[in-house]
C-alpha cells in the first residue's frame, strides 16, 4: 500500500454525496437559498426523482447564474471573520454544485431591476451547458431532474417514496414555523397544500390542524419566541413535537429537550409528552454551525443560559411562582388556572355552591362556573405540601408491618420512617407522614407501598394520591370552600401530579351564547 492524495474530482464527489443524501436534502438546500434571498412566497413541486422550486426572492444576474453551480461559490461569506458569524441559512457554497453532480440542474432567474430573466443548464461540474433568455417574474426557479440516476447504489438505499414525502413534509413544517411570514405552496403527486402567513401560533395550527389556538400558550422575549400546548388540553403520545430552532433553522439540542421533558413531567399523564416550539435568536458569534453538513447539529455558547431563558419563559407564560429550595429533587414549575379563553395566569375568586355526586365541587367565579374534581384537587394540594415540607408525626402505638427486605428498610429510613425489629418477621414504625395522620386504617399499606419506591418523587406522588379525599365523601360548604382556596393557592392547579385535568370551566360567554342572550326579541319583553 502507498499513501497518495485523492484527486480533486473524487473529493468533490464524496462531498456531494454527503451534502445531498436524499430528495429531502435537495428540498432543504433549495428552500434555504430562497429564504436567504428574502423570498416571501415559495412554490415547491416534488416528484420521486425531481424537484422544482420557484420563489419571489432577489433573483440573480446572468453573471451570478454563470457561477452559481461551481464549487465553493457563495455570496454569504466574503471575509475570514464571516466564518465565525454566520447570519444566513446557507454559507458553504456546495449545495448547487453537489446537486449538479448528482442530477440534471437548471436555474432560471431575474432580478427586479432586469427587463428579462435568464435560464441556465449546468453540466456535472457546475459549468454552463446552455444559456438563454426567458420570460420570468422577479425571483428564481430551480429545476432538478433525474436525481441519483447515475448513482444506482444511492437509489437502492433510499427510503420508500411515502417515507421520503413524510420526511420532506416534516422538514417544511419546521421551516414554516421558523419563518411564519412566508407563504408555502407545496405539490406532491396527487396532493397540494398551503401554509399562509401569520403569527407563530397561526402557523402551528396550520401545521397541526387538530390543535386549536385556545389550546396554545405563547411567550415572547426579545431573543426567544415560545409556543406550547396547555398541558391539560393537548399532549402527545411521543416526544416528536418538541421543536427547537436557532436563527431560522430547527436544530437538535438534546440538553434543552431533556430539560423541557422534566419541566412538564408532573403536568402530563404518564407516557405523554408536550407540544412545544421555541425559536432562539442568538448572536451569530455565539453559534458554530460547522458541525454537520445538514446543519441540524451545532455548537452553542452558554447553552445553560439559553436553557434557563426557555424555562423561565415557560414559567412566565404559565404564571408560575418559583418555590423555595428544598431537600427534595428539583421541584417542577407549573401553571396557574384560568378559563380557557382568559389569560392562563388569572386567579379569580371562587365560591363553593354545591357538591355533585359527592365527587365534584360546583363553584362560581366572576366569569362563569367551574366544576372541580375534589379528589385530584386535594391530591394537588397535598403533593405540593409534601414537596415543600415532609412532616412526620409520632405515634402512641407503632405500626406493625410484615417482613421487609434490607432495601425496603433502607428506603423507609431515608424517608425518616426507620423501621425497628419487633419480632420474627415483623417491623415496627413509630412515625407516619402527617398527611396520613387521620387515616389509621391505611398506615400499614401506605408504609409498605412507600418502601417499594426507589424514586422519592414517585413516592411523594403516590402518598398524595393515597391521602387525598376520596370521591364519594360528603363535604360541607365550609369544607368545599377551604379545599377550593387551598387548591387555588397551589403552583399548578390545572392538573394533578399524574397529569389529569382538575377543573372543567363554563364561561359566561359560553352561557350567554347557549341561552341566546344576544338575540334582540323585543323591547316590550324587557330583555
Protein backbone atom coordinates (compact mmCIF):
# COMPACT_ATOMS: atom_id res chain seq x y z
CA UNK A 1 0.00 0.00 0.00
CA UNK A 2 1.16 3.51 -0.81
CA UNK A 3 -0.05 6.82 0.52
CA UNK A 4 -1.33 9.27 -2.07
CA UNK A 5 -3.54 12.32 -2.27
CA UNK A 6 -7.08 11.92 -3.60
CA UNK A 7 -7.83 13.59 -6.90
CA UNK A 8 -9.94 16.77 -6.56
CA UNK A 9 -12.81 15.25 -8.54
CA UNK A 10 -13.04 12.32 -6.09
CA UNK A 11 -13.03 14.68 -3.11
CA UNK A 12 -15.80 16.71 -4.69
CA UNK A 13 -17.93 13.65 -5.48
CA UNK A 14 -17.64 12.39 -1.91
CA UNK A 15 -18.58 15.82 -0.58
CA UNK A 16 -21.56 15.96 -2.93
CA UNK A 17 -22.83 12.62 -1.62
CA UNK A 18 -22.62 13.93 1.94
CA UNK A 19 -24.35 17.26 1.29
CA UNK A 20 -27.13 15.78 -0.90
CA UNK A 21 -28.02 12.40 0.57
CA UNK A 22 -31.75 12.34 -0.24
CA UNK A 23 -34.58 14.07 -2.03
CA UNK A 24 -35.30 15.91 1.22
CA UNK A 25 -31.76 17.31 1.23
CA UNK A 26 -32.40 18.86 -2.21
CA UNK A 27 -35.59 20.49 -0.93
CA UNK A 28 -33.77 21.72 2.17
CA UNK A 29 -30.88 23.32 0.30
CA UNK A 30 -33.04 24.97 -2.36
CA UNK A 31 -35.55 26.33 0.14
CA UNK A 32 -32.80 27.71 2.39
CA UNK A 33 -31.30 29.53 -0.59
CA UNK A 34 -34.73 31.03 -1.36
CA UNK A 35 -35.23 32.17 2.23
CA UNK A 36 -31.74 33.69 2.28
CA UNK A 37 -32.81 35.67 -0.82
CA UNK A 38 -35.70 37.12 1.27
CA UNK A 39 -38.39 35.23 -0.60
CA UNK A 40 -41.88 35.58 0.86
CA UNK A 41 -43.58 33.03 -1.40
CA UNK A 42 -42.26 29.54 -2.20
CA UNK A 43 -43.90 27.20 -4.70
CA UNK A 44 -42.50 23.68 -4.38
CA UNK A 45 -43.24 20.67 -6.59
CA UNK A 46 -41.80 17.29 -5.61
CA UNK A 47 -41.69 14.03 -7.61
CA UNK A 48 -39.78 10.79 -6.91
CA UNK A 49 -36.63 11.93 -8.74
CA UNK A 50 -37.31 15.61 -9.35
CA UNK A 51 -37.81 18.92 -7.51
CA UNK A 52 -38.93 22.31 -8.79
CA UNK A 53 -38.84 25.36 -6.50
CA UNK A 54 -39.97 28.83 -7.56
CA UNK A 55 -39.54 31.85 -5.29
CA UNK A 56 -40.02 35.61 -5.39
CA UNK A 57 -36.65 36.45 -3.84
CA UNK A 58 -33.96 38.82 -5.02
CA UNK A 59 -33.06 36.84 -8.14
CA UNK A 60 -29.66 36.55 -9.84
CA UNK A 61 -27.95 38.37 -12.67
CA UNK A 62 -26.61 36.42 -15.70
CA UNK A 63 -23.09 36.75 -14.27
CA UNK A 64 -24.21 35.23 -10.97
CA UNK A 65 -26.01 32.39 -12.78
CA UNK A 66 -22.78 31.54 -14.56
CA UNK A 67 -21.03 30.92 -11.23
CA UNK A 68 -23.98 29.68 -9.15
CA UNK A 69 -23.28 25.93 -9.51
CA UNK A 70 -19.49 25.98 -9.38
CA UNK A 71 -17.68 24.61 -6.32
CA UNK A 72 -17.39 26.74 -3.20
CA UNK A 73 -19.23 29.69 -4.69
CA UNK A 74 -21.35 31.74 -2.29
CA UNK A 75 -22.46 35.31 -1.65
CA UNK A 76 -22.77 34.72 2.10
CA UNK A 77 -19.16 34.57 3.26
CA UNK A 78 -16.77 37.21 1.94
CA UNK A 79 -14.15 37.62 4.67
CA UNK A 80 -12.43 35.16 7.07
CA UNK A 81 -14.22 36.75 10.02
CA UNK A 82 -17.61 35.87 8.44
CA UNK A 83 -16.80 32.19 9.01
CA UNK A 84 -17.50 32.63 12.73
CA UNK A 85 -20.54 34.90 12.48
CA UNK A 86 -22.90 33.11 10.09
CA UNK A 87 -26.11 35.09 9.57
CA UNK A 88 -27.67 33.06 6.75
CA UNK A 89 -29.10 29.56 6.39
CA UNK A 90 -26.62 28.58 3.69
CA UNK A 91 -22.96 29.51 3.62
CA UNK A 92 -20.74 26.68 2.29
CA UNK A 93 -21.28 27.24 -1.43
CA UNK A 94 -21.59 23.47 -2.02
CA UNK A 95 -25.32 22.85 -2.40
CA UNK A 96 -25.93 23.69 -6.06
CA UNK A 97 -22.57 22.24 -7.10
CA UNK A 98 -23.45 18.99 -5.31
CA UNK A 99 -26.89 18.89 -6.96
CA UNK A 100 -25.28 19.39 -10.39
CA UNK A 101 -23.06 16.34 -9.84
CA UNK A 102 -26.00 14.14 -8.78
CA UNK A 103 -28.79 15.34 -11.09
CA UNK A 104 -29.70 17.49 -14.08
CA UNK A 105 -29.80 21.09 -12.84
CA UNK A 106 -31.47 24.11 -14.48
CA UNK A 107 -31.86 27.58 -12.93
CA UNK A 108 -33.90 30.47 -14.27
CA UNK A 109 -33.72 33.82 -12.51
CA UNK A 110 -34.47 37.51 -12.84
CA UNK A 111 -33.62 40.48 -10.64
CA UNK A 112 -36.38 43.02 -10.08
CA UNK A 113 -34.41 45.67 -11.95
CA UNK A 114 -33.74 43.47 -15.01
CA UNK A 115 -36.03 43.63 -18.08
CA UNK A 116 -35.99 39.85 -18.58
CA UNK A 117 -34.78 36.66 -16.99
CA UNK A 118 -32.10 34.15 -17.94
CA UNK A 119 -32.14 30.38 -17.84
CA UNK A 120 -29.01 28.24 -17.48
CA UNK A 121 -28.47 24.49 -17.74
CA UNK A 122 -25.39 23.05 -15.99
CA UNK A 123 -23.19 20.03 -16.56
CA UNK A 124 -22.00 17.68 -13.81
CA UNK A 125 -19.21 20.06 -12.83
CA UNK A 126 -21.50 23.06 -12.47
CA UNK A 127 -20.33 24.64 -15.71
CA UNK A 128 -22.80 26.32 -18.04
CA UNK A 129 -24.02 23.92 -20.70
CA UNK A 130 -26.72 26.13 -22.23
CA UNK A 131 -27.85 29.71 -21.57
CA UNK A 132 -30.83 31.62 -22.92
CA UNK A 133 -33.18 34.49 -22.13
CA UNK A 134 -36.59 33.57 -20.76
CA UNK A 135 -39.72 35.47 -19.68
CA UNK A 136 -39.90 35.34 -15.89
CA UNK A 137 -41.29 37.25 -12.93
CA UNK A 138 -38.67 38.56 -10.48
CA UNK A 139 -37.29 35.68 -8.47
CA UNK A 140 -35.71 32.28 -9.15
CA UNK A 141 -36.90 28.90 -10.42
CA UNK A 142 -34.65 25.89 -9.76
CA UNK A 143 -35.44 22.60 -11.52
CA UNK A 144 -33.74 19.32 -10.55
CA UNK A 145 -34.36 16.17 -12.63
CA UNK A 146 -33.00 12.61 -12.64
CA UNK A 147 -31.72 12.80 -9.09
CA UNK A 148 -29.27 9.92 -8.39
CA UNK A 149 -29.98 8.47 -11.86
CA UNK A 150 -26.24 7.80 -12.28
CA UNK A 151 -25.88 6.63 -8.68
CA UNK A 152 -27.77 3.30 -8.57
CA UNK A 153 -26.44 2.35 -5.13
CA UNK A 154 -27.81 5.56 -3.67
CA UNK A 155 -31.19 4.97 -5.32
CA UNK A 156 -31.44 1.49 -3.81
CA UNK A 157 -30.59 2.79 -0.36
CA UNK A 158 -33.26 5.50 -0.30
CA UNK A 159 -36.35 5.10 1.91
CA UNK A 160 -39.70 4.30 0.31
CA UNK A 161 -41.49 7.09 -1.53
CA UNK A 162 -44.09 7.64 1.26
CA UNK A 163 -41.27 7.84 3.81
CA UNK A 164 -39.43 10.41 1.70
CA UNK A 165 -42.58 12.51 1.38
CA UNK A 166 -43.13 12.33 5.12
CA UNK A 167 -39.55 13.43 5.76
CA UNK A 168 -39.96 16.40 3.39
CA UNK A 169 -43.29 17.36 4.92
CA UNK A 170 -41.86 17.36 8.44
CA UNK A 171 -38.92 19.49 7.35
CA UNK A 172 -41.22 22.01 5.61
CA UNK A 173 -43.32 22.21 8.77
CA UNK A 174 -40.23 23.05 10.79
CA UNK A 175 -39.05 25.74 8.37
CA UNK A 176 -42.56 27.15 8.10
CA UNK A 177 -42.65 27.56 11.88
CA UNK A 178 -39.27 29.30 11.82
CA UNK A 179 -40.44 31.68 9.06
CA UNK A 180 -44.16 32.32 9.66
CA UNK A 181 -44.12 35.36 7.34
CA UNK A 182 -43.53 33.13 4.28
CA UNK A 183 -46.26 31.57 2.14
CA UNK A 184 -45.70 27.93 1.12
CA UNK A 185 -47.46 26.16 -1.74
CA UNK A 186 -46.39 22.51 -1.89
CA UNK A 187 -47.35 19.97 -4.55
CA UNK A 188 -46.82 16.24 -4.12
CA UNK A 189 -48.23 13.72 -6.63
CA UNK A 190 -51.98 13.86 -6.09
CA UNK A 191 -51.82 16.35 -3.21
CA UNK A 192 -51.44 20.11 -2.77
CA UNK A 193 -51.31 22.05 0.49
CA UNK A 194 -50.72 25.64 1.53
CA UNK A 195 -49.33 27.43 4.55
CA UNK A 196 -50.37 31.06 4.84
CA UNK A 197 -48.52 33.92 6.62
CA UNK A 198 -49.44 34.75 10.20
CA UNK A 199 -48.18 34.58 13.75
CA UNK A 200 -46.25 31.60 15.05
CA UNK A 201 -49.46 30.43 16.76
CA UNK A 202 -51.35 30.71 13.45
CA UNK A 203 -48.65 28.72 11.70
CA UNK A 204 -48.66 25.98 14.37
CA UNK A 205 -52.41 25.49 13.97
CA UNK A 206 -51.89 25.25 10.19
CA UNK A 207 -49.15 22.68 10.62
CA UNK A 208 -51.25 20.73 13.16
CA UNK A 209 -54.93 21.33 12.30
CA UNK A 210 -56.06 19.15 15.21
CA UNK A 211 -54.74 21.75 17.65
CA UNK A 212 -56.93 24.80 18.38
CA UNK A 213 -55.34 28.15 19.17
CA UNK A 214 -57.17 28.15 22.52
CA UNK A 215 -55.08 25.10 23.46
CA UNK A 216 -51.83 27.03 22.99
CA UNK A 217 -49.89 29.46 25.15
CA UNK A 218 -47.41 31.96 23.73
CA UNK A 219 -44.42 33.64 25.33
CA UNK A 220 -42.21 36.23 23.65
CA UNK A 221 -38.93 37.85 24.66
CA UNK A 222 -36.51 39.86 22.58
CA UNK A 223 -34.40 36.80 21.78
CA UNK A 224 -36.89 33.94 22.20
CA UNK A 225 -40.33 33.06 20.87
CA UNK A 226 -42.22 30.21 22.52
CA UNK A 227 -45.50 28.43 21.76
CA UNK A 228 -46.61 25.33 23.66
CA UNK A 229 -49.74 23.28 24.23
CA UNK A 230 -51.51 23.79 27.55
CA UNK A 231 -50.77 20.54 29.38
CA UNK A 232 -54.35 19.87 30.43
CA UNK A 233 -55.66 20.46 26.91
CA UNK A 234 -53.13 18.97 24.50
CA UNK A 235 -50.31 16.44 24.76
CA UNK A 236 -48.65 13.89 22.53
CA UNK A 237 -48.07 10.10 22.63
CA UNK A 238 -44.43 10.63 21.57
CA UNK A 239 -41.82 13.36 22.13
CA UNK A 240 -41.84 14.13 18.41
CA UNK A 241 -43.24 17.66 18.51
CA UNK A 242 -40.66 19.42 20.62
CA UNK A 243 -39.19 21.76 18.03
CA UNK A 244 -36.17 23.88 18.95
CA UNK A 245 -34.89 26.43 16.43
CA UNK A 246 -31.84 28.69 16.32
CA UNK A 247 -31.66 31.67 13.96
CA UNK A 248 -34.17 30.36 11.44
CA UNK A 249 -33.48 26.61 11.48
CA UNK A 250 -34.72 23.73 13.66
CA UNK A 251 -31.81 22.00 15.34
CA UNK A 252 -31.02 19.24 17.79
CA UNK A 253 -30.41 20.49 21.34
CA UNK A 254 -30.72 17.32 23.46
CA UNK A 255 -29.85 19.05 26.75
CA UNK A 256 -32.67 21.56 26.33
CA UNK A 257 -35.11 18.88 25.12
CA UNK A 258 -34.40 16.83 28.25
CA UNK A 259 -34.98 19.88 30.46
CA UNK A 260 -38.33 20.50 28.76
CA UNK A 261 -39.46 16.93 29.37
CA UNK A 262 -38.51 17.21 33.03
CA UNK A 263 -40.24 20.58 33.26
CA UNK A 264 -43.57 19.14 32.07
CA UNK A 265 -43.21 15.75 33.79
CA UNK A 266 -45.75 16.34 36.56
CA UNK A 267 -48.15 18.22 34.31
CA UNK A 268 -48.88 15.42 31.86
CA UNK A 269 -50.26 11.89 32.14
CA UNK A 270 -47.78 9.04 32.17
CA UNK A 271 -46.15 8.40 28.79
CA UNK A 272 -47.50 11.64 27.34
CA UNK A 273 -45.31 14.47 26.05
CA UNK A 274 -45.65 18.21 25.41
CA UNK A 275 -46.20 20.08 22.16
CA UNK A 276 -43.67 22.92 22.06
CA UNK A 277 -41.91 25.19 19.58
CA UNK A 278 -39.12 27.52 20.74
CA UNK A 279 -37.15 29.80 18.44
CA UNK A 280 -33.92 31.32 19.79
CA UNK A 281 -32.46 34.43 18.16
CA UNK A 282 -28.83 34.10 19.23
CA UNK A 283 -25.96 36.45 18.28
CA UNK A 284 -24.10 34.79 15.36
CA UNK A 285 -20.79 34.94 17.20
CA UNK A 286 -22.19 32.55 19.84
CA UNK A 287 -23.21 29.85 17.31
CA UNK A 288 -20.85 27.48 15.50
CA UNK A 289 -22.64 25.79 12.57
CA UNK A 290 -19.56 23.88 11.39
CA UNK A 291 -20.50 20.55 12.96
CA UNK A 292 -22.53 18.58 10.39
CA UNK A 293 -23.38 19.03 6.66
CA UNK A 294 -27.11 19.03 7.41
CA UNK A 295 -26.59 21.89 9.90
CA UNK A 296 -29.06 20.37 12.38
CA UNK A 297 -26.27 19.95 14.92
CA UNK A 298 -24.25 22.89 16.19
CA UNK A 299 -22.02 24.15 18.96
CA UNK A 300 -23.75 26.72 21.14
CA UNK A 301 -22.06 29.04 23.60
CA UNK A 302 -23.72 29.44 27.04
CA UNK A 303 -26.14 26.58 26.49
CA UNK A 304 -27.27 26.64 30.14
CA UNK A 305 -28.15 30.33 29.81
CA UNK A 306 -30.47 29.69 26.87
CA UNK A 307 -31.97 26.67 28.62
CA UNK A 308 -32.73 28.86 31.62
CA UNK A 309 -34.26 31.53 29.37
CA UNK A 310 -36.62 28.99 27.84
CA UNK A 311 -37.76 27.51 31.16
CA UNK A 312 -38.20 30.99 32.61
CA UNK A 313 -40.38 31.99 29.66
CA UNK A 314 -42.44 28.83 30.17
CA UNK A 315 -42.97 29.90 33.78
CA UNK A 316 -43.94 33.42 32.74
CA UNK A 317 -46.43 32.11 30.21
CA UNK A 318 -47.96 29.85 32.83
CA UNK A 319 -47.87 32.44 35.61
CA UNK A 320 -45.77 30.17 37.80
CA UNK A 321 -44.22 31.24 41.10
CA UNK A 322 -40.90 29.57 41.78
CA UNK A 323 -40.90 27.55 45.05
CA UNK A 324 -38.13 27.85 47.57
CA UNK A 325 -35.31 25.32 47.61
CA UNK A 326 -35.85 22.05 49.49
CA UNK A 327 -34.01 18.79 50.02
CA UNK A 328 -36.24 17.09 47.51
CA UNK A 329 -35.45 16.63 43.82
CA UNK A 330 -35.90 19.82 41.84
CA UNK A 331 -39.50 20.95 42.24
CA UNK A 332 -41.14 21.34 38.86
CA UNK A 333 -42.54 24.74 37.94
CA UNK A 334 -46.13 24.79 36.92
CA UNK A 335 -49.09 26.85 35.84
CA UNK A 336 -51.90 28.99 37.13
CA UNK A 337 -55.59 28.45 36.49
CA UNK A 338 -57.96 30.36 34.23
CA UNK A 339 -60.85 29.97 31.91
CA UNK A 340 -59.68 28.61 28.56
CA UNK A 341 -60.32 31.87 26.76
CA UNK A 342 -58.85 34.00 29.56
CA UNK A 343 -55.15 34.66 30.32
CA UNK A 344 -53.70 31.44 31.65
CA UNK A 345 -52.26 33.01 34.79
CA UNK A 346 -55.51 34.59 36.06
CA UNK A 347 -56.70 33.54 39.56
CA UNK A 348 -60.34 34.55 40.02
CA UNK A 349 -62.06 34.19 43.40
CA UNK A 350 -64.12 31.01 43.71
CA UNK A 351 -67.28 30.47 45.77
CA UNK A 352 -68.40 26.93 46.56
CA UNK A 353 -72.06 26.36 45.63
CA UNK A 354 -72.72 22.63 45.89
CA UNK A 355 -71.33 19.11 45.74
CA UNK A 356 -72.39 16.92 42.84
CA UNK A 357 -72.43 13.12 43.18
CA UNK A 358 -70.13 13.53 46.19
CA UNK A 359 -67.34 13.87 43.62
CA UNK A 360 -67.43 17.33 42.07
CA UNK A 361 -67.50 20.79 43.62
CA UNK A 362 -69.62 23.32 41.72
CA UNK A 363 -68.06 26.76 42.13
CA UNK A 364 -68.97 30.26 40.97
CA UNK A 365 -66.36 32.68 39.70
CA UNK A 366 -66.68 36.12 38.07
CA UNK A 367 -66.61 34.71 34.53
CA UNK A 368 -68.92 31.69 34.86
CA UNK A 369 -69.00 28.29 36.57
CA UNK A 370 -66.30 25.77 37.39
CA UNK A 371 -66.61 22.07 38.14
CA UNK A 372 -63.73 20.83 40.30
CA UNK A 373 -62.97 17.16 40.92
CA UNK A 374 -62.43 17.01 44.68
CA UNK A 375 -60.02 14.05 44.92
CA UNK A 376 -57.47 15.23 42.40
CA UNK A 377 -57.74 18.87 43.55
CA UNK A 378 -56.85 17.69 47.06
CA UNK A 379 -54.14 15.47 45.60
CA UNK A 380 -52.52 18.54 44.02
CA UNK A 381 -52.67 20.38 47.37
CA UNK A 382 -51.08 17.50 49.30
CA UNK A 383 -48.43 16.87 46.65
CA UNK A 384 -47.14 20.44 46.81
CA UNK A 385 -47.26 20.41 50.61
CA UNK A 386 -45.14 17.24 50.63
CA UNK A 387 -42.75 18.75 48.10
CA UNK A 388 -42.16 21.84 50.22
CA UNK A 389 -42.14 20.18 53.64
CA UNK A 390 -42.04 16.48 54.58
CA UNK A 391 -43.60 16.42 58.06
CA UNK A 392 -43.84 13.37 60.31
CA UNK A 393 -45.90 12.76 63.44
CA UNK A 394 -45.08 10.37 66.30
CA UNK A 395 -47.46 7.53 67.07
CA UNK A 396 -48.51 6.42 70.53
CA UNK A 397 -48.59 2.84 69.29
CA UNK A 398 -46.26 1.75 66.46
CA UNK A 399 -47.48 0.38 63.16
CA UNK A 400 -46.51 -3.28 62.80
CA UNK A 401 -45.75 -4.38 59.25
CA UNK A 402 -44.77 -7.69 57.69
CA UNK A 403 -41.27 -8.73 56.58
CA UNK A 404 -39.19 -6.09 54.84
CA UNK A 405 -36.14 -6.61 52.68
CA UNK A 406 -32.95 -4.71 53.58
CA UNK A 407 -33.64 -2.43 50.59
CA UNK A 408 -37.13 -1.62 51.89
CA UNK A 409 -35.77 -0.86 55.36
CA UNK A 410 -33.21 1.49 53.83
CA UNK A 411 -35.82 3.34 51.78
CA UNK A 412 -38.12 3.91 54.76
CA UNK A 413 -35.12 5.07 56.78
CA UNK A 414 -34.32 7.64 54.07
CA UNK A 415 -37.88 8.97 54.45
CA UNK A 416 -37.39 9.34 58.24
CA UNK A 417 -39.56 6.29 58.94
CA UNK A 418 -36.83 3.96 60.23
CA UNK A 419 -38.35 0.51 60.97
CA UNK A 420 -37.29 -1.31 64.14
CA UNK A 421 -37.21 -5.11 64.55
CA UNK A 422 -40.28 -6.08 66.58
CA UNK A 423 -40.24 -9.83 66.44
CA UNK A 424 -39.89 -12.69 64.00
CA UNK A 425 -40.60 -11.36 60.51
CA UNK A 426 -42.11 -8.14 61.90
CA UNK A 427 -41.09 -4.48 61.98
CA UNK A 428 -42.35 -1.52 63.99
CA UNK A 429 -42.61 2.02 62.61
CA UNK A 430 -43.16 4.78 65.18
CA UNK A 431 -43.74 7.74 62.84
CA UNK A 432 -46.11 8.41 59.99
CA UNK A 433 -46.32 11.21 57.38
CA UNK A 434 -48.60 13.92 58.67
CA UNK A 435 -50.92 13.72 55.66
CA UNK A 436 -51.83 10.16 56.76
CA UNK A 437 -52.44 11.05 60.40
CA UNK A 438 -56.24 10.88 60.06
CA UNK A 439 -56.25 7.55 58.18
CA UNK A 440 -55.02 4.88 60.64
CA UNK A 441 -56.55 2.08 58.59
CA UNK A 442 -54.23 2.95 55.70
CA UNK A 443 -50.96 3.23 57.65
CA UNK A 444 -49.60 -0.28 57.17
CA UNK A 445 -50.43 -0.45 53.45
CA UNK A 446 -49.04 3.06 52.86
CA UNK A 447 -45.75 2.23 54.58
CA UNK A 448 -45.34 -0.96 52.59
CA UNK A 449 -46.03 0.94 49.38
CA UNK A 450 -43.55 3.68 50.26
CA UNK A 451 -40.89 1.06 50.92
CA UNK A 452 -41.21 -0.18 47.33
CA UNK A 453 -40.43 3.13 45.61
CA UNK A 454 -36.81 3.75 44.66
CA UNK A 455 -37.71 7.25 43.45
CA UNK A 456 -38.69 9.70 46.18
CA UNK A 457 -40.57 11.88 43.71
CA UNK A 458 -42.82 8.98 42.73
CA UNK A 459 -43.27 8.07 46.40
CA UNK A 460 -44.45 11.62 47.06
CA UNK A 461 -46.98 11.41 44.22
CA UNK A 462 -48.30 8.08 45.48
CA UNK A 463 -48.61 9.32 49.06
CA UNK A 464 -50.52 12.42 47.95
CA UNK A 465 -52.91 10.30 45.92
CA UNK A 466 -53.45 7.83 48.77
CA UNK A 467 -54.05 10.61 51.30
CA UNK A 468 -56.43 12.78 49.26
CA UNK A 469 -60.17 12.99 49.89
CA UNK A 470 -61.90 10.06 48.26
CA UNK A 471 -64.64 10.53 45.73
CA UNK A 472 -67.92 9.58 47.37
CA UNK A 473 -67.02 11.54 50.52
CA UNK A 474 -69.66 14.10 51.50
CA UNK A 475 -68.31 17.61 52.14
CA UNK A 476 -69.89 20.62 53.80
CA UNK A 477 -69.89 24.00 52.09
CA UNK A 478 -67.18 25.14 54.51
CA UNK A 479 -65.00 22.12 53.67
CA UNK A 480 -65.53 22.67 49.95
CA UNK A 481 -64.62 26.35 50.23
CA UNK A 482 -61.48 25.51 52.20
CA UNK A 483 -60.41 22.96 49.60
CA UNK A 484 -61.01 25.42 46.76
CA UNK A 485 -58.89 28.06 48.46
CA UNK A 486 -56.08 25.59 49.16
CA UNK A 487 -56.22 24.36 45.58
CA UNK A 488 -56.19 27.91 44.17
CA UNK A 489 -53.04 28.63 46.17
CA UNK A 490 -51.07 25.81 44.55
CA UNK A 491 -48.47 26.42 41.86
CA UNK A 492 -50.07 24.08 39.31
CA UNK A 493 -53.84 23.97 39.71
CA UNK A 494 -54.58 22.82 36.16
CA UNK A 495 -53.52 19.18 36.60
CA UNK A 496 -52.84 16.66 39.32
CA UNK A 497 -49.33 15.15 39.66
CA UNK A 498 -50.44 12.34 37.35
CA UNK A 499 -51.38 14.86 34.65
CA UNK A 500 -55.17 14.58 34.91
CA UNK A 501 -57.18 17.81 34.45
CA UNK A 502 -58.73 19.07 37.69
CA UNK A 503 -61.28 21.62 36.54
CA UNK A 504 -63.90 21.98 33.82
CA UNK A 505 -64.81 25.60 33.07
CA UNK A 506 -68.03 27.01 31.66
CA UNK A 507 -67.52 30.69 30.90
CA UNK A 508 -70.12 33.41 30.99
CA UNK A 509 -69.64 33.96 27.26
CA UNK A 510 -70.45 30.29 26.64
CA UNK A 511 -73.57 30.55 28.81
CA UNK A 512 -74.72 33.68 27.01
CA UNK A 513 -74.18 32.02 23.64
CA UNK A 514 -76.09 28.88 24.64
CA UNK A 515 -79.09 30.80 26.03
CA UNK A 516 -79.07 33.19 23.05
CA UNK A 517 -78.84 36.28 25.24
CA UNK A 518 -77.50 38.19 22.24
CA UNK A 519 -80.84 37.83 20.48
CA UNK A 520 -82.97 41.02 20.40
CA UNK A 521 -86.54 39.74 20.79
CA UNK A 522 -88.29 42.99 21.61
CA UNK A 523 -88.19 45.91 23.98
CA UNK A 524 -91.66 45.02 25.28
CA UNK A 525 -90.27 41.83 26.78
CA UNK A 526 -87.83 43.74 28.97
CA UNK A 527 -84.78 41.88 27.64
